[in-house]
Amino acid sequence: EFVALRLENSDGCSGRLQVFYNGTWGSICSNSMTLHTVSLACKELGCGDGGSLETQLPYGRVSGPMWLDYVQCGEKTSSFWQCPSAPWNPRSCEDPQEETYITCNGRRPEIPSIPLAPCPNSTSCTDRERIRAVGGEDRCSGRVEVWHRGSWGTVCDDSWDMQDAEVACRQLGCGPAVSALHEAAFGMGMGPIWLEQVECRGTELSLQDCWARPGDGGACRHKEDAGVNC
C-alpha cells in the first residue's frame, strides 16, 4: 500500500497535515498529537527537524476522509510511519477543529513550477525533476522519460512491470500506479533509450535508485518505450 504525507495547499512547510491512503488524501486528527509527532512529520516532508502545532486557525468544512487519529510518536521513533495510532478510519475525527495544522522550522527547497521544464544538468537537480510522462491525458500518464547526460530519453519496456510503474508514479508526485504499459502505448519517443531491464522493488523513491541496465547499448528500440498511468 502506497502511503505519503503532504501539507495541503502549501508550497512551503506549513499547512494542514494530510496522509494519502487507499487512493485518497485525508486529514490527520490532532488528538494526542505531540511535538515528537510534528517533528517526525516535518522530517518526512523534508521541512527541517521540528515544528509547532497551530491552534488559532480558520476552520472550514472538512472535505474528504479523516484517516488517522491518536498518532503517538515517541522519542525513540525514527520514522513517522512507525508511530502507533488508532486504526485507519475515514471518520477518525468528528470535528474539523481536530484537524492537524503544523508549521515546520525548515524550508523545502524550491521546486520549479513548470514540471516539464528541462532540468538543468546540475547537481541541484532533484530526482523528481529528472522524470516526466509524455503523451498522456495529463502529467500523470504517458511515456516515461528520464533526464540524463543533458537530454530526455525513454525507458525500455523489457521487464517493465507494476513495481517499476509504482516507483515512476511516486517520483512524478502522482500517487500510486494504475497500470504499466508496453510497446510505446503513448507513441514512440525520440533520442536515447536511457534504461533497460528496470528491476524496481517498488519501494524506491526514484527510477534512478532501481537496478537497471544502461539502455544505450542498442538492444532496445523506441517501439518498446515504457509508459504509465498513475
Protein backbone atom coordinates (compact mmCIF):
# COMPACT_ATOMS: atom_id res chain seq x y z
CA GLU A 1 0.00 0.00 0.00
CA PHE A 2 1.44 3.35 -1.04
CA VAL A 3 1.24 5.97 1.73
CA ALA A 4 2.57 9.53 1.73
CA LEU A 5 2.35 12.75 3.70
CA ARG A 6 1.71 16.29 2.47
CA LEU A 7 0.84 19.72 3.75
CA GLU A 8 -2.33 20.60 1.84
CA ASN A 9 -2.47 23.84 -0.17
CA SER A 10 1.10 24.56 0.79
CA ASP A 11 4.07 25.43 -1.35
CA GLY A 12 6.23 25.65 1.75
CA CYS A 13 6.44 23.89 5.07
CA SER A 14 3.22 24.76 6.88
CA GLY A 15 -0.40 23.78 6.42
CA ARG A 16 -2.96 21.07 7.04
CA LEU A 17 -1.23 17.71 7.53
CA GLN A 18 -2.71 15.01 5.32
CA VAL A 19 -1.94 11.38 4.55
CA PHE A 20 -2.51 9.52 1.25
CA TYR A 21 -4.14 6.15 1.89
CA ASN A 22 -6.47 3.85 -0.06
CA GLY A 23 -6.18 6.09 -3.12
CA THR A 24 -7.28 9.31 -1.36
CA TRP A 25 -5.77 12.23 0.58
CA GLY A 26 -7.30 12.65 4.03
CA SER A 27 -6.73 14.51 7.27
CA ILE A 28 -4.89 13.56 10.43
CA CYS A 29 -6.61 14.45 13.71
CA SER A 30 -4.75 16.24 16.48
CA ASN A 31 -5.88 14.16 19.48
CA SER A 32 -2.80 13.05 21.48
CA MET A 33 -0.59 14.89 18.96
CA THR A 34 2.82 15.74 20.45
CA LEU A 35 5.80 17.70 19.18
CA HIS A 36 7.60 14.37 18.61
CA THR A 37 4.91 13.54 16.04
CA VAL A 38 5.13 17.00 14.47
CA SER A 39 8.92 16.82 14.18
CA LEU A 40 8.83 13.37 12.52
CA ALA A 41 6.22 14.65 10.03
CA CYS A 42 8.45 17.66 9.24
CA LYS A 43 11.44 15.34 8.69
CA GLU A 44 9.38 13.08 6.43
CA LEU A 45 8.37 16.15 4.37
CA GLY A 46 11.95 17.45 4.07
CA CYS A 47 10.96 20.51 6.12
CA GLY A 48 13.52 20.53 8.92
CA ASP A 49 13.73 18.60 12.16
CA GLY A 50 10.93 20.16 14.18
CA GLY A 51 7.88 22.37 14.18
CA SER A 52 4.83 23.56 16.03
CA LEU A 53 1.16 22.65 16.18
CA GLU A 54 -1.03 25.55 15.06
CA THR A 55 -4.18 26.22 17.09
CA GLN A 56 -5.70 29.59 16.09
CA LEU A 57 -6.87 28.77 12.58
CA PRO A 58 -9.88 29.39 10.37
CA TYR A 59 -11.76 26.11 10.28
CA GLY A 60 -13.51 25.24 7.07
CA ARG A 61 -15.85 22.40 6.31
CA VAL A 62 -13.96 19.15 6.04
CA SER A 63 -13.90 17.59 2.62
CA GLY A 64 -12.68 14.04 2.18
CA PRO A 65 -11.82 11.40 4.74
CA MET A 66 -10.09 11.90 8.08
CA TRP A 67 -7.83 8.89 8.07
CA LEU A 68 -5.89 8.86 11.31
CA ASP A 69 -6.27 9.77 14.97
CA TYR A 70 -4.25 9.30 18.14
CA VAL A 71 -0.94 9.26 16.28
CA GLN A 72 1.60 8.87 19.08
CA CYS A 73 5.26 9.07 18.14
CA GLY A 74 7.79 8.58 20.92
CA GLU A 75 11.30 9.92 21.46
CA LYS A 76 12.84 6.74 20.07
CA THR A 77 10.68 6.53 16.91
CA SER A 78 12.79 7.18 13.81
CA SER A 79 10.05 7.40 11.15
CA PHE A 80 6.53 8.81 11.09
CA TRP A 81 5.32 5.50 9.62
CA GLN A 82 6.42 3.58 12.72
CA CYS A 83 4.25 5.63 15.09
CA PRO A 84 1.28 3.84 16.69
CA SER A 85 -2.20 5.23 16.01
CA ALA A 86 -5.86 4.32 16.04
CA PRO A 87 -6.80 2.06 13.08
CA TRP A 88 -7.41 3.59 9.63
CA ASN A 89 -10.92 5.06 9.62
CA PRO A 90 -12.31 7.62 7.16
CA ARG A 91 -14.26 9.24 10.02
CA SER A 92 -11.49 9.38 12.58
CA CYS A 93 -12.25 12.86 13.94
CA GLU A 94 -15.78 14.19 14.35
CA ASP A 95 -14.91 17.87 14.47
CA PRO A 96 -12.98 19.86 11.81
CA GLN A 97 -11.32 21.71 14.71
CA GLU A 98 -9.44 18.48 15.42
CA GLU A 99 -7.62 18.58 12.09
CA THR A 100 -3.86 18.94 12.41
CA TYR A 101 -2.18 22.10 11.10
CA ILE A 102 1.56 22.37 11.54
CA THR A 103 4.36 24.82 10.84
CA CYS A 104 7.80 23.25 10.40
CA ASN A 105 11.03 25.04 11.24
CA GLY A 106 12.72 24.30 7.91
CA ARG A 107 12.19 25.37 4.32
CA ARG A 108 11.59 22.97 1.48
CA PRO A 109 13.89 23.58 -1.48
CA GLU A 110 12.04 25.45 -4.20
CA ILE A 111 10.56 23.15 -6.86
CA PRO A 112 10.15 24.80 -10.28
CA SER A 113 6.50 25.46 -11.04
CA ILE A 114 6.77 24.09 -14.59
CA PRO A 115 7.10 20.31 -14.15
CA LEU A 116 8.25 19.65 -17.71
CA ALA A 117 10.93 22.34 -17.85
CA PRO A 118 14.17 20.59 -18.84
CA CYS A 119 16.12 20.10 -15.69
CA PRO A 120 19.45 21.90 -15.75
CA ASN A 121 22.13 19.26 -15.90
CA SER A 122 23.40 20.22 -12.49
CA THR A 123 23.84 18.75 -9.03
CA SER A 124 20.96 20.88 -7.70
CA CYS A 125 18.51 18.98 -9.89
CA THR A 126 16.28 16.72 -7.77
CA ASP A 127 15.25 13.21 -8.86
CA ARG A 128 11.63 14.34 -9.09
CA GLU A 129 12.67 16.81 -11.79
CA ARG A 130 14.53 14.08 -13.71
CA ILE A 131 11.36 12.34 -14.90
CA ARG A 132 8.30 13.22 -16.96
CA ALA A 133 5.32 11.46 -18.51
CA VAL A 134 4.67 12.44 -22.14
CA GLY A 135 1.70 11.93 -24.47
CA GLY A 136 -0.96 11.05 -21.89
CA GLU A 137 -4.02 12.98 -20.75
CA ASP A 138 -2.12 14.85 -18.03
CA ARG A 139 1.33 14.92 -16.43
CA CYS A 140 0.48 11.70 -14.53
CA SER A 141 0.14 9.43 -17.56
CA GLY A 142 2.25 8.89 -20.63
CA ARG A 143 5.53 7.61 -21.96
CA VAL A 144 8.15 7.60 -19.22
CA GLU A 145 11.12 9.83 -19.98
CA VAL A 146 14.14 10.48 -17.77
CA TRP A 147 16.72 13.27 -17.89
CA HIS A 148 20.30 12.03 -18.14
CA ARG A 149 23.52 13.46 -19.53
CA GLY A 150 21.80 16.64 -20.64
CA SER A 151 18.83 15.21 -22.55
CA TRP A 152 15.47 13.48 -22.16
CA GLY A 153 15.36 9.81 -23.12
CA THR A 154 12.98 6.88 -22.79
CA VAL A 155 12.84 3.62 -20.82
CA CYS A 156 12.75 0.19 -22.48
CA ASP A 157 9.72 -1.97 -21.61
CA ASP A 158 11.75 -5.19 -21.10
CA SER A 159 10.71 -6.39 -17.60
CA TRP A 160 8.68 -3.17 -17.08
CA ASP A 161 6.00 -4.04 -14.52
CA MET A 162 3.77 -2.56 -11.81
CA GLN A 163 6.61 -2.30 -9.29
CA ASP A 164 8.57 -0.16 -11.75
CA ALA A 165 5.47 1.91 -12.54
CA GLU A 166 4.83 2.40 -8.80
CA VAL A 167 8.27 3.99 -8.44
CA ALA A 168 7.83 6.14 -11.56
CA CYS A 169 4.46 7.42 -10.30
CA ARG A 170 5.88 8.18 -6.85
CA GLN A 171 8.77 10.05 -8.47
CA LEU A 172 6.31 12.03 -10.62
CA GLY A 173 4.42 13.01 -7.45
CA CYS A 174 1.31 11.31 -8.85
CA GLY A 175 0.28 8.78 -6.20
CA PRO A 176 0.01 5.04 -6.87
CA ALA A 177 0.37 3.35 -10.26
CA VAL A 178 -2.76 2.16 -12.07
CA SER A 179 -1.05 0.41 -14.98
CA ALA A 180 2.36 -0.27 -16.51
CA LEU A 181 2.20 -0.03 -20.32
CA HIS A 182 4.38 -1.56 -23.01
CA GLU A 183 5.16 -1.25 -26.72
CA ALA A 184 5.04 2.54 -26.99
CA ALA A 185 1.43 2.76 -25.81
CA PHE A 186 1.76 6.57 -25.80
CA GLY A 187 3.73 6.79 -29.04
CA MET A 188 7.40 6.34 -29.76
CA GLY A 189 9.88 8.68 -28.14
CA MET A 190 12.92 10.34 -29.62
CA GLY A 191 16.54 10.40 -28.63
CA PRO A 192 18.33 7.96 -26.36
CA ILE A 193 16.85 5.00 -24.53
CA TRP A 194 18.46 5.54 -21.15
CA LEU A 195 17.30 2.49 -19.17
CA GLU A 196 16.74 -1.20 -19.97
CA GLN A 197 15.67 -4.12 -17.81
CA VAL A 198 14.49 -1.88 -14.95
CA GLU A 199 14.08 -4.02 -11.81
CA CYS A 200 12.49 -1.96 -9.01
CA ARG A 201 11.31 -3.50 -5.76
CA GLY A 202 8.54 -0.89 -5.68
CA THR A 203 9.75 0.91 -2.55
CA GLU A 204 12.43 3.10 -4.15
CA LEU A 205 11.94 6.87 -4.33
CA SER A 206 13.07 7.18 -7.96
CA LEU A 207 13.85 5.03 -11.01
CA GLN A 208 17.46 6.16 -10.61
CA ASP A 209 17.52 4.15 -7.33
CA CYS A 210 16.43 0.91 -9.07
CA TRP A 211 18.69 -1.70 -10.62
CA ALA A 212 18.76 -1.33 -14.41
CA ARG A 213 20.99 -1.83 -17.43
CA PRO A 214 22.25 1.28 -19.21
CA GLY A 215 19.99 1.50 -22.25
CA ASP A 216 22.32 3.00 -24.83
CA GLY A 217 23.69 -0.38 -25.93
CA GLY A 218 21.26 -0.57 -28.85
CA ALA A 219 19.35 -3.67 -27.71
CA CYS A 220 16.04 -1.78 -27.48
CA ARG A 221 14.01 0.27 -29.99
CA HIS A 222 11.55 3.11 -29.44
CA LYS A 223 8.69 0.77 -30.35
CA GLU A 224 9.40 -0.75 -26.90
CA ASP A 225 9.07 2.52 -24.93
CA ALA A 226 7.53 2.04 -21.48
CA GLY A 227 4.58 4.07 -20.18
CA VAL A 228 2.50 4.57 -17.02
CA ASN A 229 -0.93 5.57 -15.82
CA CYS A 230 -0.83 6.90 -12.26
